[in-house]
C-alpha atoms as a PDB file:
ATOM      1  CA  MET A   1      -9.438 -14.351 -10.142  1.00  0.00           C
ATOM      2  CA  ASN A   2      -5.781 -13.885  -9.290  1.00  0.00           C
ATOM      3  CA  ARG A   3      -4.956 -16.236  -6.400  1.00  0.00           C
ATOM      4  CA  SER A   4      -1.455 -14.829  -6.026  1.00  0.00           C
ATOM      5  CA  MET A   5      -2.733 -11.310  -5.415  1.00  0.00           C
ATOM      6  CA  ILE A   6      -5.380 -12.594  -3.020  1.00  0.00           C
ATOM      7  CA  ARG A   7      -2.700 -14.539  -1.137  1.00  0.00           C
ATOM      8  CA  HIS A   8      -0.553 -11.403  -0.902  1.00  0.00           C
ATOM      9  CA  GLY A   9      -3.571  -9.557   0.476  1.00  0.00           C
ATOM     10  CA  PHE A  10      -3.894 -12.040   3.303  1.00  0.00           C
ATOM     11  CA  VAL A  11      -0.132 -11.990   3.957  1.00  0.00           C
ATOM     12  CA  LEU A  12      -0.166  -8.199   4.202  1.00  0.00           C
ATOM     13  CA  MET A  13      -3.175  -8.292   6.515  1.00  0.00           C
ATOM     14  CA  LEU A  14      -1.418 -10.840   8.733  1.00  0.00           C
ATOM     15  CA  LEU A  15       1.741  -8.723   8.885  1.00  0.00           C
ATOM     16  CA  ALA A  16      -0.297  -5.643   9.790  1.00  0.00           C
ATOM     17  CA  LEU A  17      -2.264  -7.492  12.448  1.00  0.00           C
ATOM     18  CA  VAL A  18       0.897  -8.850  14.052  1.00  0.00           C
ATOM     19  CA  GLY A  19       2.447  -5.392  13.864  1.00  0.00           C
ATOM     20  CA  GLY A  20      -0.485  -4.076  15.872  1.00  0.00           C
ATOM     21  CA  PHE A  21       0.867  -5.881  18.931  1.00  0.00           C
ATOM     22  CA  PHE A  22       3.998  -3.728  18.817  1.00  0.00           C
ATOM     23  CA  VAL A  23       2.292  -0.324  18.686  1.00  0.00           C
ATOM     24  CA  PRO A  24       3.198   0.604  22.305  1.00  0.00           C
ATOM     25  CA  ALA A  25       6.886  -0.202  21.714  1.00  0.00           C
ATOM     26  CA  MET A  26       7.271   2.136  18.713  1.00  0.00           C
ATOM     27  CA  GLU A  27       8.949   5.545  18.764  1.00  0.00           C
ATOM     28  CA  ILE A  28       5.797   7.021  17.215  1.00  0.00           C
ATOM     29  CA  PRO A  29       2.851   4.883  18.400  1.00  0.00           C
ATOM     30  CA  ARG A  30       0.284   6.912  16.450  1.00  0.00           C
ATOM     31  CA  LEU A  31       2.174   6.232  13.213  1.00  0.00           C
ATOM     32  CA  ALA A  32       2.334   2.550  14.159  1.00  0.00           C
ATOM     33  CA  VAL A  33      -1.468   2.538  14.408  1.00  0.00           C
ATOM     34  CA  SER A  34      -1.529   4.114  10.953  1.00  0.00           C
ATOM     35  CA  ALA A  35       0.770   1.377   9.625  1.00  0.00           C
ATOM     36  CA  HIS A  36      -1.512  -1.240  11.172  1.00  0.00           C
ATOM     37  CA  THR A  37      -4.614   0.286   9.566  1.00  0.00           C
ATOM     38  CA  ILE A  38      -2.916   0.854   6.211  1.00  0.00           C
ATOM     39  CA  GLY A  39      -1.667  -2.741   6.114  1.00  0.00           C
ATOM     40  CA  VAL A  40      -5.096  -4.198   6.832  1.00  0.00           C
ATOM     41  CA  LEU A  41      -6.864  -1.948   4.327  1.00  0.00           C
ATOM     42  CA  SER A  42      -4.201  -2.503   1.672  1.00  0.00           C
ATOM     43  CA  GLY A  43      -4.600  -6.236   2.181  1.00  0.00           C
ATOM     44  CA  VAL A  44      -8.343  -5.930   1.619  1.00  0.00           C
ATOM     45  CA  LEU A  45      -7.663  -3.894  -1.527  1.00  0.00           C
ATOM     46  CA  LEU A  46      -5.320  -6.589  -2.869  1.00  0.00           C
ATOM     47  CA  ILE A  47      -7.949  -9.243  -2.167  1.00  0.00           C
ATOM     48  CA  ALA A  48     -10.611  -7.190  -3.973  1.00  0.00           C
ATOM     49  CA  VAL A  49      -8.410  -6.524  -7.013  1.00  0.00           C
ATOM     50  CA  GLY A  50      -7.412 -10.188  -7.113  1.00  0.00           C
ATOM     51  CA  ALA A  51     -11.047 -11.264  -6.885  1.00  0.00           C
ATOM     52  CA  ILE A  52     -12.088  -9.215  -9.939  1.00  0.00           C
ATOM     53  CA  TRP A  53      -8.881  -9.826 -11.894  1.00  0.00           C
ATOM     54  CA  SER A  54     -10.686 -11.537 -14.770  1.00  0.00           C
ATOM     55  CA  GLN A  55     -12.746  -8.370 -15.344  1.00  0.00           C
ATOM     56  CA  PHE A  56      -9.708  -6.331 -16.409  1.00  0.00           C
ATOM     57  CA  THR A  57      -9.122  -5.976 -20.138  1.00  0.00           C
ATOM     58  CA  LEU A  58      -5.394  -5.338 -20.325  1.00  0.00           C
ATOM     59  CA  GLY A  59      -2.469  -6.575 -22.341  1.00  0.00           C
ATOM     60  CA  PRO A  60       0.154  -8.742 -20.637  1.00  0.00           C
ATOM     61  CA  ARG A  61       2.541  -5.839 -20.020  1.00  0.00           C
ATOM     62  CA  GLN A  62      -0.205  -3.583 -18.653  1.00  0.00           C
ATOM     63  CA  ALA A  63      -1.504  -6.387 -16.428  1.00  0.00           C
ATOM     64  CA  GLY A  64       2.004  -7.009 -15.119  1.00  0.00           C
ATOM     65  CA  VAL A  65       2.546  -3.336 -14.322  1.00  0.00           C
ATOM     66  CA  MET A  66      -0.824  -3.180 -12.581  1.00  0.00           C
ATOM     67  CA  TYR A  67      -0.166  -6.381 -10.599  1.00  0.00           C
ATOM     68  CA  TRP A  68       3.282  -5.331  -9.388  1.00  0.00           C
ATOM     69  CA  GLY A  69       2.107  -1.761  -8.865  1.00  0.00           C
ATOM     70  CA  TRP A  70      -0.653  -2.791  -6.479  1.00  0.00           C
ATOM     71  CA  LEU A  71       1.658  -5.203  -4.645  1.00  0.00           C
ATOM     72  CA  TYR A  72       4.407  -2.619  -4.294  1.00  0.00           C
ATOM     73  CA  ALA A  73       1.965   0.071  -3.184  1.00  0.00           C
ATOM     74  CA  GLY A  74       0.432  -2.141  -0.515  1.00  0.00           C
ATOM     75  CA  TYR A  75       3.635  -3.433   1.002  1.00  0.00           C
ATOM     76  CA  ALA A  76       5.669  -0.225   0.641  1.00  0.00           C
ATOM     77  CA  ASN A  77       2.956   1.952   2.171  1.00  0.00           C
ATOM     78  CA  TRP A  78       2.710  -0.347   5.192  1.00  0.00           C
ATOM     79  CA  LEU A  79       6.489  -0.674   5.469  1.00  0.00           C
ATOM     80  CA  GLY A  80       7.114   3.065   5.109  1.00  0.00           C
ATOM     81  CA  CYS A  81       4.734   3.871   7.953  1.00  0.00           C
ATOM     82  CA  LEU A  82       6.044   1.023  10.104  1.00  0.00           C
ATOM     83  CA  LEU A  83       9.645   2.078   9.503  1.00  0.00           C
ATOM     84  CA  GLY A  84       8.773   5.657  10.379  1.00  0.00           C
ATOM     85  CA  ALA A  85       7.030   4.516  13.553  1.00  0.00           C
ATOM     86  CA  ALA A  86       9.951   2.319  14.614  1.00  0.00           C
ATOM     87  CA  THR A  87      12.705   4.855  13.902  1.00  0.00           C
ATOM     88  CA  GLY A  88      10.910   8.052  14.815  1.00  0.00           C
ATOM     89  CA  ALA A  89      11.119   9.302  11.223  1.00  0.00           C
ATOM     90  CA  GLY A  90       8.024  11.449  11.020  1.00  0.00           C
ATOM     91  CA  ARG A  91       8.843  14.267   8.601  1.00  0.00           C
ATOM     92  CA  MET A  92       6.633  12.722   5.873  1.00  0.00           C
ATOM     93  CA  THR A  93       3.778  12.099   8.315  1.00  0.00           C
ATOM     94  CA  PRO A  94       3.602  15.268  10.414  1.00  0.00           C
ATOM     95  CA  VAL A  95       0.097  14.720  11.791  1.00  0.00           C
ATOM     96  CA  ALA A  96       0.749  11.210  13.080  1.00  0.00           C
ATOM     97  CA  ALA A  97       4.306  12.044  14.180  1.00  0.00           C
ATOM     98  CA  ALA A  98       3.431  15.303  15.969  1.00  0.00           C
ATOM     99  CA  GLY A  99       6.631  16.939  14.744  1.00  0.00           C
ATOM    100  CA  LEU A 100       9.060  14.142  15.629  1.00  0.00           C
ATOM    101  CA  GLU A 101      11.937  13.544  13.224  1.00  0.00           C
ATOM    102  CA  GLY A 102      14.403  10.695  12.891  1.00  0.00           C
ATOM    103  CA  THR A 103      17.895  10.352  11.513  1.00  0.00           C
ATOM    104  CA  PRO A 104      18.535  11.611   7.983  1.00  0.00           C
ATOM    105  CA  VAL A 105      18.908   8.018   6.720  1.00  0.00           C
ATOM    106  CA  ALA A 106      15.608   6.913   8.266  1.00  0.00           C
ATOM    107  CA  GLU A 107      13.847  10.017   6.988  1.00  0.00           C
ATOM    108  CA  ALA A 108      15.223   9.424   3.473  1.00  0.00           C
ATOM    109  CA  MET A 109      14.093   5.780   3.446  1.00  0.00           C
ATOM    110  CA  VAL A 110      10.593   6.662   4.648  1.00  0.00           C
ATOM    111  CA  ALA A 111      10.364   9.541   2.162  1.00  0.00           C
ATOM    112  CA  PHE A 112      11.437   7.303  -0.714  1.00  0.00           C
ATOM    113  CA  LEU A 113       8.890   4.623   0.206  1.00  0.00           C
ATOM    114  CA  LEU A 114       5.957   6.978   0.716  1.00  0.00           C
ATOM    115  CA  ILE A 115       6.645   9.189  -2.309  1.00  0.00           C
ATOM    116  CA  SER A 116       7.131   6.171  -4.577  1.00  0.00           C
ATOM    117  CA  VAL A 117       3.891   4.682  -3.241  1.00  0.00           C
ATOM    118  CA  GLY A 118       2.052   7.791  -4.359  1.00  0.00           C
ATOM    119  CA  VAL A 119       3.403   7.552  -7.892  1.00  0.00           C
ATOM    120  CA  VAL A 120       3.005   3.784  -8.219  1.00  0.00           C
ATOM    121  CA  SER A 121      -0.528   3.885  -6.770  1.00  0.00           C
ATOM    122  CA  LEU A 122      -1.593   6.432  -9.372  1.00  0.00           C
ATOM    123  CA  VAL A 123      -0.269   4.204 -12.156  1.00  0.00           C
ATOM    124  CA  ALA A 124      -1.949   1.088 -10.722  1.00  0.00           C
ATOM    125  CA  ALA A 125      -5.254   2.899 -10.190  1.00  0.00           C
ATOM    126  CA  GLY A 126      -5.127   4.375 -13.698  1.00  0.00           C
ATOM    127  CA  LEU A 127      -4.458   0.971 -15.227  1.00  0.00           C
ATOM    128  CA  SER A 128      -7.269  -0.509 -13.149  1.00  0.00           C
ATOM    129  CA  LEU A 129      -9.706   2.068 -14.457  1.00  0.00           C
ATOM    130  CA  TRP A 130      -8.425   1.597 -17.994  1.00  0.00           C
ATOM    131  CA  GLY A 131      -8.730  -2.167 -17.647  1.00  0.00           C
ATOM    132  CA  LEU A 132     -12.361  -1.886 -16.552  1.00  0.00           C
ATOM    133  CA  ARG A 133     -13.393   0.187 -19.541  1.00  0.00           C
ATOM    134  CA  GLY A 134     -16.205  -1.321 -21.505  1.00  0.00           C
ATOM    135  CA  ASN A 135     -15.656  -2.598 -25.007  1.00  0.00           C
ATOM    136  CA  THR A 136     -19.076  -1.335 -26.020  1.00  0.00           C
ATOM    137  CA  LEU A 137     -20.941   1.870 -25.310  1.00  0.00           C
ATOM    138  CA  SER A 138     -24.084   1.610 -23.230  1.00  0.00           C
ATOM    139  CA  ALA A 139     -26.756   4.148 -22.401  1.00  0.00           C
ATOM    140  CA  THR A 140     -26.460   4.086 -18.602  1.00  0.00           C
END
């Protein structure tokens, strides 16, 4: 069990729940609802990964990359959507934003966050799968 990751899961869930109160005040309310949902689900994912942490068979460097990868992915995904909702930067989220676009700076920040989340999530998920490989072959 990784208490730190579990704690981060609850922090992210709390941030997302509080953010839900501000949905009507956002430039793109539908994207704010997405940020709220993503934050809660990412928090649950962090709690689940933290709960099974001892089941991963990884070296210290791999475990560190996986740990920070999942944390970054959770927080950055939530923050990218929340930032897009608050600033009206919706180029990266055309369905939720219904074609709205923000300033070039806001769009660049949201794009960086969401694109990097995609890459980092793939690395974290790959390491998670690798870490759950069995040391012995079984006939299942």
